[in-house]
């Protein structure tokens, strides 16, 4: 198998940074720090124009109180739907079960879940997958929540890489990974 070219949003922190580094030098990164704010329609358009040569798009960036992660996925899918490519969104298990802390983040990630389900069931050439993580050991999660248990950042990258690998053979749609 040839080396895959992977584009990553939110590539300067957390999961996005770890995925970007995992695939470097075959990765392209997009974040606010390099002029790609996914809340900006013009920036989303530039992202989509810049990833035409990529095989995989890891939709990791999330902006609070907006639907931009979901909107970007729809816009990219519209361009890629007839191509043998993969859009992998990073969701959250906060949308499952009882909601301890009702907040816009939960609603935004729930919308992403439904959008991924909708697009993946179209059985288009472009595959859409969604990994819904529990707490991942990023600096922000540790500082803001200090959870009793978490998924290591390294394991989250391994799961993402495995999902990308298996989507070259099968159509994996949604996976939820939570710490024990």
N, C-alpha and C. Protein backbone atom coordinates (compact mmCIF):
# COMPACT_ATOMS: atom_id res chain seq x y z
N UNK A 1 0.84 -1.18 0.00
CA UNK A 1 0.00 0.00 0.00
C UNK A 1 0.89 1.25 0.00
N UNK A 2 0.57 2.18 -0.85
CA UNK A 2 1.31 3.44 -0.89
C UNK A 2 1.06 4.23 0.39
N UNK A 3 1.99 5.12 0.71
CA UNK A 3 1.79 5.98 1.87
C UNK A 3 0.62 6.92 1.59
N UNK A 4 -0.26 7.00 2.55
CA UNK A 4 -1.42 7.86 2.41
C UNK A 4 -1.06 9.30 2.71
N UNK A 5 -1.68 10.21 1.99
CA UNK A 5 -1.56 11.63 2.27
C UNK A 5 -2.74 12.02 3.15
N UNK A 6 -2.45 12.60 4.32
CA UNK A 6 -3.47 12.87 5.32
C UNK A 6 -3.52 14.36 5.64
N UNK A 7 -4.70 14.95 5.54
CA UNK A 7 -4.93 16.33 5.95
C UNK A 7 -5.58 16.32 7.33
N UNK A 8 -5.20 17.27 8.16
CA UNK A 8 -5.69 17.30 9.54
C UNK A 8 -6.08 18.73 9.92
N UNK A 9 -7.29 18.90 10.43
CA UNK A 9 -7.65 20.20 11.01
C UNK A 9 -7.31 20.17 12.50
N UNK A 10 -7.02 21.34 13.03
CA UNK A 10 -6.64 21.44 14.44
C UNK A 10 -5.29 20.79 14.69
N UNK A 11 -4.38 20.97 13.76
CA UNK A 11 -3.11 20.22 13.78
C UNK A 11 -2.05 20.77 14.72
N UNK A 12 -2.37 21.80 15.50
CA UNK A 12 -1.34 22.39 16.36
C UNK A 12 -1.50 22.05 17.84
N UNK A 13 -2.57 21.36 18.19
CA UNK A 13 -2.76 20.94 19.58
C UNK A 13 -3.50 19.60 19.64
N UNK A 14 -3.39 18.95 20.76
CA UNK A 14 -4.19 17.78 21.09
C UNK A 14 -4.11 16.64 20.08
N UNK A 15 -5.26 16.03 19.83
CA UNK A 15 -5.34 14.88 18.93
C UNK A 15 -4.89 15.26 17.53
N UNK A 16 -5.33 16.41 17.04
CA UNK A 16 -4.96 16.85 15.70
C UNK A 16 -3.46 16.95 15.52
N UNK A 17 -2.78 17.51 16.50
CA UNK A 17 -1.32 17.63 16.42
C UNK A 17 -0.67 16.25 16.41
N UNK A 18 -1.14 15.37 17.25
CA UNK A 18 -0.56 14.02 17.33
C UNK A 18 -0.77 13.25 16.02
N UNK A 19 -1.93 13.39 15.40
CA UNK A 19 -2.19 12.72 14.12
C UNK A 19 -1.32 13.33 13.03
N UNK A 20 -1.25 14.65 13.00
CA UNK A 20 -0.40 15.34 12.02
C UNK A 20 1.04 14.84 12.11
N UNK A 21 1.57 14.77 13.32
CA UNK A 21 2.95 14.31 13.51
C UNK A 21 3.12 12.84 13.15
N UNK A 22 2.11 12.03 13.41
CA UNK A 22 2.17 10.61 13.08
C UNK A 22 2.35 10.39 11.57
N UNK A 23 1.67 11.19 10.77
CA UNK A 23 1.73 11.01 9.31
C UNK A 23 2.76 11.89 8.62
N UNK A 24 3.41 12.80 9.35
CA UNK A 24 4.41 13.68 8.76
C UNK A 24 5.54 12.84 8.17
N UNK A 25 6.04 13.12 6.97
CA UNK A 25 5.84 14.31 6.15
C UNK A 25 4.70 14.19 5.13
N UNK A 26 3.86 13.17 5.27
CA UNK A 26 2.74 12.99 4.33
C UNK A 26 1.45 13.59 4.87
N UNK A 27 1.58 14.66 5.65
CA UNK A 27 0.40 15.29 6.23
C UNK A 27 0.38 16.78 5.91
N UNK A 28 -0.83 17.30 5.86
CA UNK A 28 -1.05 18.75 5.71
C UNK A 28 -1.88 19.19 6.90
N UNK A 29 -1.50 20.33 7.49
CA UNK A 29 -2.21 20.80 8.67
C UNK A 29 -2.92 22.11 8.46
N UNK A 30 -4.09 22.21 9.08
CA UNK A 30 -4.92 23.41 8.96
C UNK A 30 -5.44 23.78 10.34
N UNK A 31 -5.14 25.01 10.76
CA UNK A 31 -5.63 25.50 12.05
C UNK A 31 -5.71 27.02 12.02
N UNK A 32 -6.30 27.57 13.06
CA UNK A 32 -6.38 29.03 13.13
C UNK A 32 -5.00 29.67 13.10
N UNK A 33 -4.01 28.97 13.69
CA UNK A 33 -2.67 29.55 13.78
C UNK A 33 -1.99 29.72 12.43
N UNK A 34 -2.43 28.97 11.42
CA UNK A 34 -1.86 29.17 10.09
C UNK A 34 -2.91 29.69 9.10
N UNK A 35 -3.93 30.38 9.63
CA UNK A 35 -4.89 31.08 8.77
C UNK A 35 -6.09 30.30 8.31
N UNK A 36 -6.38 29.18 8.96
CA UNK A 36 -7.51 28.33 8.55
C UNK A 36 -8.49 28.16 9.71
N UNK A 37 -9.27 29.17 9.95
CA UNK A 37 -10.31 29.12 10.97
C UNK A 37 -11.55 28.49 10.35
N UNK A 38 -11.95 27.32 10.83
CA UNK A 38 -13.07 26.61 10.20
C UNK A 38 -14.40 27.33 10.36
N UNK A 39 -14.46 28.36 11.20
CA UNK A 39 -15.67 29.18 11.30
C UNK A 39 -15.81 30.12 10.10
N UNK A 40 -14.73 30.34 9.38
CA UNK A 40 -14.71 31.27 8.25
C UNK A 40 -14.98 30.49 6.95
N UNK A 41 -16.11 30.78 6.28
CA UNK A 41 -16.42 30.06 5.03
C UNK A 41 -15.31 30.14 3.99
N UNK A 42 -14.63 31.27 3.89
CA UNK A 42 -13.54 31.41 2.91
C UNK A 42 -12.37 30.49 3.29
N UNK A 43 -12.10 30.36 4.58
CA UNK A 43 -11.02 29.47 5.03
C UNK A 43 -11.39 28.01 4.77
N UNK A 44 -12.66 27.64 5.00
CA UNK A 44 -13.09 26.26 4.70
C UNK A 44 -12.92 25.98 3.21
N UNK A 45 -13.24 26.95 2.37
CA UNK A 45 -13.09 26.78 0.92
C UNK A 45 -11.61 26.57 0.57
N UNK A 46 -10.72 27.33 1.21
CA UNK A 46 -9.28 27.18 0.95
C UNK A 46 -8.78 25.81 1.42
N UNK A 47 -9.30 25.35 2.55
CA UNK A 47 -8.92 24.01 3.01
C UNK A 47 -9.30 22.98 1.96
N UNK A 48 -10.54 23.02 1.51
CA UNK A 48 -11.03 22.04 0.54
C UNK A 48 -10.21 22.10 -0.75
N UNK A 49 -9.88 23.30 -1.20
CA UNK A 49 -9.05 23.44 -2.41
C UNK A 49 -7.64 22.90 -2.19
N UNK A 50 -7.16 22.92 -0.96
CA UNK A 50 -5.79 22.48 -0.65
C UNK A 50 -5.65 20.98 -0.42
N UNK A 51 -6.76 20.27 -0.30
CA UNK A 51 -6.68 18.84 0.03
C UNK A 51 -7.08 17.93 -1.13
N UNK A 52 -7.14 18.46 -2.32
CA UNK A 52 -7.56 17.64 -3.46
C UNK A 52 -6.63 16.45 -3.68
N UNK A 53 -5.36 16.59 -3.31
CA UNK A 53 -4.40 15.49 -3.51
C UNK A 53 -4.28 14.57 -2.29
N UNK A 54 -5.07 14.79 -1.27
CA UNK A 54 -5.01 13.96 -0.06
C UNK A 54 -5.95 12.76 -0.19
N UNK A 55 -5.58 11.69 0.51
CA UNK A 55 -6.39 10.48 0.54
C UNK A 55 -7.36 10.47 1.71
N UNK A 56 -6.94 11.13 2.80
CA UNK A 56 -7.69 11.09 4.05
C UNK A 56 -7.78 12.50 4.61
N UNK A 57 -8.93 12.82 5.17
CA UNK A 57 -9.13 14.09 5.85
C UNK A 57 -9.56 13.79 7.27
N UNK A 58 -8.73 14.16 8.25
CA UNK A 58 -9.07 13.98 9.66
C UNK A 58 -9.67 15.29 10.15
N UNK A 59 -10.96 15.25 10.40
CA UNK A 59 -11.77 16.40 10.77
C UNK A 59 -11.74 16.54 12.29
N UNK A 60 -10.65 17.11 12.80
CA UNK A 60 -10.41 17.14 14.24
C UNK A 60 -10.77 18.46 14.90
N UNK A 61 -10.64 19.56 14.21
CA UNK A 61 -10.87 20.88 14.83
C UNK A 61 -12.34 21.05 15.19
N UNK A 62 -12.55 21.57 16.38
CA UNK A 62 -13.90 21.89 16.84
C UNK A 62 -13.87 23.31 17.40
N UNK A 63 -14.86 24.09 17.05
CA UNK A 63 -14.95 25.44 17.62
C UNK A 63 -16.21 25.52 18.46
N UNK A 64 -16.06 26.05 19.63
CA UNK A 64 -17.15 26.11 20.60
C UNK A 64 -18.32 26.90 20.05
N UNK A 65 -19.53 26.43 20.30
CA UNK A 65 -20.77 27.12 19.96
C UNK A 65 -21.04 27.25 18.46
N UNK A 66 -20.35 26.47 17.64
CA UNK A 66 -20.64 26.53 16.21
C UNK A 66 -20.81 25.12 15.66
N UNK A 67 -21.28 25.05 14.46
CA UNK A 67 -21.44 23.78 13.75
C UNK A 67 -20.38 23.64 12.65
N UNK A 68 -19.32 24.40 12.75
CA UNK A 68 -18.34 24.47 11.67
C UNK A 68 -17.68 23.14 11.34
N UNK A 69 -17.42 22.30 12.34
CA UNK A 69 -16.82 20.99 12.06
C UNK A 69 -17.75 20.17 11.18
N UNK A 70 -19.03 20.22 11.46
CA UNK A 70 -20.02 19.48 10.68
C UNK A 70 -20.19 20.11 9.29
N UNK A 71 -20.26 21.42 9.23
CA UNK A 71 -20.40 22.11 7.94
C UNK A 71 -19.21 21.80 7.04
N UNK A 72 -18.00 21.85 7.59
CA UNK A 72 -16.81 21.53 6.81
C UNK A 72 -16.88 20.11 6.25
N UNK A 73 -17.34 19.17 7.06
CA UNK A 73 -17.45 17.79 6.58
C UNK A 73 -18.41 17.70 5.40
N UNK A 74 -19.57 18.35 5.50
CA UNK A 74 -20.53 18.34 4.38
C UNK A 74 -19.92 18.98 3.13
N UNK A 75 -19.25 20.10 3.30
CA UNK A 75 -18.66 20.78 2.14
C UNK A 75 -17.59 19.92 1.48
N UNK A 76 -16.75 19.28 2.28
CA UNK A 76 -15.72 18.42 1.71
C UNK A 76 -16.33 17.18 1.07
N UNK A 77 -17.30 16.59 1.73
CA UNK A 77 -17.96 15.41 1.16
C UNK A 77 -18.55 15.73 -0.21
N UNK A 78 -19.13 16.90 -0.35
CA UNK A 78 -19.70 17.30 -1.64
C UNK A 78 -18.64 17.28 -2.74
N UNK A 79 -17.41 17.65 -2.40
CA UNK A 79 -16.30 17.63 -3.38
C UNK A 79 -15.74 16.22 -3.59
N UNK A 80 -15.72 15.41 -2.55
CA UNK A 80 -15.07 14.10 -2.60
C UNK A 80 -16.01 12.91 -2.82
N UNK A 81 -17.30 13.12 -2.85
CA UNK A 81 -18.26 12.01 -2.81
C UNK A 81 -18.03 10.94 -3.88
N UNK A 82 -17.49 11.28 -5.01
CA UNK A 82 -17.27 10.30 -6.08
C UNK A 82 -15.84 9.79 -6.15
N UNK A 83 -15.05 10.08 -5.11
CA UNK A 83 -13.64 9.68 -5.10
C UNK A 83 -13.38 8.68 -3.97
N UNK A 84 -12.41 7.82 -4.19
CA UNK A 84 -12.02 6.81 -3.20
C UNK A 84 -11.17 7.47 -2.12
N UNK A 85 -11.85 8.14 -1.18
CA UNK A 85 -11.18 8.89 -0.11
C UNK A 85 -11.92 8.64 1.19
N UNK A 86 -11.33 9.12 2.27
CA UNK A 86 -11.93 8.94 3.58
C UNK A 86 -11.96 10.27 4.34
N UNK A 87 -13.11 10.58 4.92
CA UNK A 87 -13.25 11.67 5.87
C UNK A 87 -13.47 11.02 7.23
N UNK A 88 -12.55 11.28 8.15
CA UNK A 88 -12.64 10.73 9.49
C UNK A 88 -12.83 11.87 10.49
N UNK A 89 -14.02 11.93 11.08
CA UNK A 89 -14.31 12.98 12.05
C UNK A 89 -14.00 12.49 13.46
N UNK A 90 -13.52 13.42 14.27
CA UNK A 90 -13.25 13.13 15.68
C UNK A 90 -14.44 13.65 16.48
N UNK A 91 -15.23 12.70 16.97
CA UNK A 91 -16.41 13.02 17.74
C UNK A 91 -16.14 12.90 19.23
N UNK A 92 -17.21 12.72 19.99
CA UNK A 92 -17.10 12.62 21.43
C UNK A 92 -18.19 11.73 21.98
N UNK A 93 -17.85 10.93 22.99
CA UNK A 93 -18.88 10.09 23.60
C UNK A 93 -19.81 10.89 24.51
N UNK A 94 -19.58 12.18 24.64
CA UNK A 94 -20.48 13.01 25.44
C UNK A 94 -21.90 12.99 24.88
N UNK A 95 -22.03 12.56 23.63
CA UNK A 95 -23.36 12.52 23.01
C UNK A 95 -24.11 11.24 23.34
N UNK A 96 -23.46 10.29 23.99
CA UNK A 96 -24.08 9.01 24.34
C UNK A 96 -24.62 9.04 25.76
N UNK A 97 -25.73 8.39 25.97
CA UNK A 97 -26.23 8.19 27.33
C UNK A 97 -26.63 9.46 28.05
N UNK A 98 -26.45 9.43 29.36
CA UNK A 98 -26.86 10.54 30.22
C UNK A 98 -25.90 11.71 30.05
N UNK A 99 -26.44 12.88 29.92
CA UNK A 99 -25.64 14.10 29.77
C UNK A 99 -25.43 14.72 31.14
N UNK A 100 -24.22 14.62 31.66
CA UNK A 100 -23.94 15.18 32.98
C UNK A 100 -23.88 16.70 32.95
N UNK A 101 -23.42 17.23 31.84
CA UNK A 101 -23.21 18.67 31.74
C UNK A 101 -23.81 19.16 30.42
N UNK A 102 -25.10 19.50 30.39
CA UNK A 102 -25.68 20.02 29.14
C UNK A 102 -24.92 21.27 28.70
N UNK A 103 -24.48 21.26 27.46
CA UNK A 103 -23.70 22.37 26.95
C UNK A 103 -23.70 22.36 25.42
N UNK A 104 -23.35 23.47 24.80
CA UNK A 104 -23.32 23.53 23.34
C UNK A 104 -22.38 22.49 22.72
N UNK A 105 -21.28 22.18 23.40
CA UNK A 105 -20.33 21.18 22.89
C UNK A 105 -21.05 19.86 22.60
N UNK A 106 -21.87 19.41 23.54
CA UNK A 106 -22.59 18.15 23.38
C UNK A 106 -23.52 18.21 22.16
N UNK A 107 -24.24 19.30 22.01
CA UNK A 107 -25.16 19.44 20.88
C UNK A 107 -24.39 19.48 19.55
N UNK A 108 -23.26 20.19 19.54
CA UNK A 108 -22.45 20.26 18.33
C UNK A 108 -21.90 18.91 17.92
N UNK A 109 -21.42 18.15 18.90
CA UNK A 109 -20.89 16.81 18.60
C UNK A 109 -22.01 15.84 18.22
N UNK A 110 -23.22 16.02 18.80
CA UNK A 110 -24.36 15.19 18.42
C UNK A 110 -24.74 15.44 16.96
N UNK A 111 -24.67 16.69 16.55
CA UNK A 111 -24.94 17.01 15.14
C UNK A 111 -23.90 16.35 14.24
N UNK A 112 -22.64 16.37 14.66
CA UNK A 112 -21.58 15.72 13.90
C UNK A 112 -21.86 14.21 13.79
N UNK A 113 -22.27 13.59 14.89
CA UNK A 113 -22.61 12.16 14.87
C UNK A 113 -23.66 11.86 13.82
N UNK A 114 -24.75 12.62 13.84
CA UNK A 114 -25.85 12.38 12.90
C UNK A 114 -25.42 12.64 11.46
N UNK A 115 -24.62 13.67 11.25
CA UNK A 115 -24.14 13.97 9.90
C UNK A 115 -23.24 12.84 9.39
N UNK A 116 -22.36 12.33 10.26
CA UNK A 116 -21.50 11.21 9.86
C UNK A 116 -22.34 9.98 9.52
N UNK A 117 -23.34 9.72 10.35
CA UNK A 117 -24.23 8.57 10.09
C UNK A 117 -24.94 8.74 8.75
N UNK A 118 -25.45 9.93 8.50
CA UNK A 118 -26.16 10.21 7.26
C UNK A 118 -25.26 10.00 6.04
N UNK A 119 -24.06 10.62 6.08
CA UNK A 119 -23.17 10.54 4.91
C UNK A 119 -22.59 9.14 4.74
N UNK A 120 -22.28 8.45 5.83
CA UNK A 120 -21.69 7.12 5.69
C UNK A 120 -22.70 6.13 5.13
N UNK A 121 -23.98 6.34 5.37
CA UNK A 121 -25.00 5.43 4.86
C UNK A 121 -25.38 5.69 3.41
N UNK A 122 -24.79 6.70 2.80
CA UNK A 122 -25.02 6.93 1.37
C UNK A 122 -24.25 5.93 0.51
N UNK A 123 -23.26 5.26 1.13
CA UNK A 123 -22.40 4.31 0.43
C UNK A 123 -21.75 4.91 -0.81
N UNK A 124 -21.33 6.15 -0.67
CA UNK A 124 -20.62 6.84 -1.75
C UNK A 124 -19.19 6.31 -1.84
N UNK A 125 -18.52 6.66 -2.90
CA UNK A 125 -17.11 6.26 -3.03
C UNK A 125 -16.29 6.82 -1.88
N UNK A 126 -16.58 8.03 -1.48
CA UNK A 126 -15.92 8.64 -0.33
C UNK A 126 -16.55 8.07 0.93
N UNK A 127 -15.71 7.48 1.77
CA UNK A 127 -16.18 6.91 3.02
C UNK A 127 -16.15 7.98 4.12
N UNK A 128 -17.07 7.87 5.05
CA UNK A 128 -17.14 8.78 6.19
C UNK A 128 -17.16 7.93 7.44
N UNK A 129 -16.25 8.24 8.35
CA UNK A 129 -16.17 7.52 9.62
C UNK A 129 -16.13 8.52 10.76
N UNK A 130 -16.49 8.04 11.95
CA UNK A 130 -16.56 8.88 13.13
C UNK A 130 -16.01 8.11 14.31
N UNK A 131 -14.98 8.63 14.96
CA UNK A 131 -14.49 8.03 16.20
C UNK A 131 -14.92 8.95 17.33
N UNK A 132 -15.69 8.38 18.25
CA UNK A 132 -16.20 9.13 19.40
C UNK A 132 -15.36 8.73 20.61
N UNK A 133 -14.49 9.62 21.02
CA UNK A 133 -13.62 9.34 22.15
C UNK A 133 -14.24 9.83 23.46
N UNK A 134 -13.90 9.10 24.53
CA UNK A 134 -14.08 9.63 25.88
C UNK A 134 -12.91 10.56 26.14
N UNK A 135 -12.60 10.79 27.41
CA UNK A 135 -11.49 11.68 27.72
C UNK A 135 -10.17 11.14 27.15
N UNK A 136 -9.50 11.99 26.37
CA UNK A 136 -8.18 11.67 25.83
C UNK A 136 -7.17 12.54 26.57
N UNK A 137 -6.01 11.99 26.86
CA UNK A 137 -5.00 12.66 27.66
C UNK A 137 -4.28 13.81 26.98
N UNK A 138 -5.04 14.78 26.51
CA UNK A 138 -4.44 16.00 25.96
C UNK A 138 -4.17 16.96 27.11
N UNK A 139 -3.31 17.93 26.87
CA UNK A 139 -3.01 18.92 27.91
C UNK A 139 -4.27 19.62 28.39
N UNK A 140 -5.15 19.98 27.45
CA UNK A 140 -6.36 20.70 27.82
C UNK A 140 -7.31 19.85 28.67
N UNK A 141 -7.49 18.60 28.27
CA UNK A 141 -8.39 17.72 29.04
C UNK A 141 -7.86 17.51 30.45
N UNK A 142 -6.58 17.28 30.57
CA UNK A 142 -6.00 17.07 31.89
C UNK A 142 -6.13 18.33 32.75
N UNK A 143 -5.86 19.48 32.15
CA UNK A 143 -5.94 20.74 32.90
C UNK A 143 -7.38 21.11 33.27
N UNK A 144 -8.32 20.92 32.34
CA UNK A 144 -9.69 21.37 32.56
C UNK A 144 -10.55 20.38 33.35
N UNK A 145 -10.29 19.08 33.18
CA UNK A 145 -11.18 18.07 33.76
C UNK A 145 -10.51 17.13 34.76
N UNK A 146 -9.20 16.92 34.61
CA UNK A 146 -8.46 16.00 35.47
C UNK A 146 -9.23 14.70 35.71
N UNK A 147 -9.57 13.97 34.64
CA UNK A 147 -10.38 12.76 34.81
C UNK A 147 -9.62 11.65 35.53
N UNK A 148 -10.39 10.76 36.18
CA UNK A 148 -9.79 9.62 36.89
C UNK A 148 -9.13 8.65 35.91
N UNK A 149 -9.74 8.50 34.76
CA UNK A 149 -9.18 7.61 33.74
C UNK A 149 -9.32 8.29 32.38
N UNK A 150 -8.40 7.97 31.49
CA UNK A 150 -8.43 8.56 30.16
C UNK A 150 -7.75 7.65 29.16
N UNK A 151 -7.94 7.99 27.90
CA UNK A 151 -7.29 7.30 26.79
C UNK A 151 -6.00 8.07 26.53
N UNK A 152 -4.89 7.36 26.44
CA UNK A 152 -3.64 8.06 26.18
C UNK A 152 -3.68 8.68 24.79
N UNK A 153 -2.99 9.78 24.63
CA UNK A 153 -2.92 10.43 23.32
C UNK A 153 -2.33 9.47 22.30
N UNK A 154 -1.33 8.70 22.71
CA UNK A 154 -0.70 7.74 21.80
C UNK A 154 -1.70 6.69 21.34
N UNK A 155 -2.53 6.18 22.26
CA UNK A 155 -3.52 5.18 21.88
C UNK A 155 -4.59 5.77 20.97
N UNK A 156 -4.96 7.03 21.20
CA UNK A 156 -5.96 7.64 20.32
C UNK A 156 -5.42 7.73 18.89
N UNK A 157 -4.14 8.05 18.73
CA UNK A 157 -3.54 8.11 17.40
C UNK A 157 -3.49 6.73 16.77
N UNK A 158 -3.16 5.71 17.56
CA UNK A 158 -3.15 4.34 17.04
C UNK A 158 -4.54 3.93 16.56
N UNK A 159 -5.57 4.29 17.32
CA UNK A 159 -6.94 3.96 16.91
C UNK A 159 -7.33 4.69 15.64
N UNK A 160 -6.93 5.94 15.53
CA UNK A 160 -7.21 6.70 14.31
C UNK A 160 -6.48 6.07 13.12
N UNK A 161 -5.20 5.74 13.30
CA UNK A 161 -4.41 5.13 12.21
C UNK A 161 -5.02 3.78 11.82
N UNK A 162 -5.46 3.00 12.79
CA UNK A 162 -6.09 1.70 12.48
C UNK A 162 -7.40 1.90 11.73
N UNK A 163 -8.18 2.91 12.13
CA UNK A 163 -9.43 3.19 11.44
C UNK A 163 -9.16 3.60 10.00
N UNK A 164 -8.14 4.40 9.80
CA UNK A 164 -7.77 4.80 8.44
C UNK A 164 -7.34 3.57 7.65
N UNK A 165 -6.52 2.72 8.25
CA UNK A 165 -6.04 1.51 7.57
C UNK A 165 -7.21 0.60 7.20
N UNK A 166 -8.08 0.31 8.15
CA UNK A 166 -9.19 -0.61 7.90
C UNK A 166 -10.20 -0.04 6.93
N UNK A 167 -10.32 1.28 6.84
CA UNK A 167 -11.24 1.88 5.88
C UNK A 167 -10.72 1.78 4.45
N UNK A 168 -9.49 1.35 4.27
CA UNK A 168 -8.99 1.08 2.93
C UNK A 168 -9.54 -0.25 2.40
N UNK A 169 -10.01 -1.10 3.32
CA UNK A 169 -10.51 -2.43 2.97
C UNK A 169 -12.02 -2.53 3.20
N UNK A 170 -12.46 -2.00 4.33
CA UNK A 170 -13.86 -2.09 4.74
C UNK A 170 -14.44 -0.69 4.89
N UNK A 171 -15.69 -0.64 5.23
CA UNK A 171 -16.36 0.63 5.48
C UNK A 171 -16.69 0.68 6.97
N UNK A 172 -15.75 1.21 7.76
CA UNK A 172 -16.00 1.41 9.19
C UNK A 172 -16.71 2.74 9.35
N UNK A 173 -17.81 2.74 10.10
CA UNK A 173 -18.59 3.96 10.17
C UNK A 173 -18.43 4.71 11.49
N UNK A 174 -18.75 4.08 12.59
CA UNK A 174 -18.70 4.77 13.89
C UNK A 174 -18.10 3.85 14.94
N UNK A 175 -17.22 4.40 15.75
CA UNK A 175 -16.62 3.67 16.84
C UNK A 175 -16.60 4.59 18.05
N UNK A 176 -16.96 4.03 19.21
CA UNK A 176 -16.86 4.77 20.47
C UNK A 176 -15.77 4.12 21.31
N UNK A 177 -14.87 4.93 21.81
CA UNK A 177 -13.75 4.44 22.63
C UNK A 177 -13.76 5.25 23.92
N UNK A 178 -13.91 4.54 25.04
CA UNK A 178 -13.90 5.21 26.33
C UNK A 178 -12.89 4.52 27.24
N UNK A 179 -12.35 5.26 28.20
CA UNK A 179 -11.38 4.64 29.12
C UNK A 179 -12.10 3.67 30.06
N UNK A 180 -11.33 2.71 30.56
CA UNK A 180 -11.90 1.74 31.52
C UNK A 180 -11.86 2.29 32.92
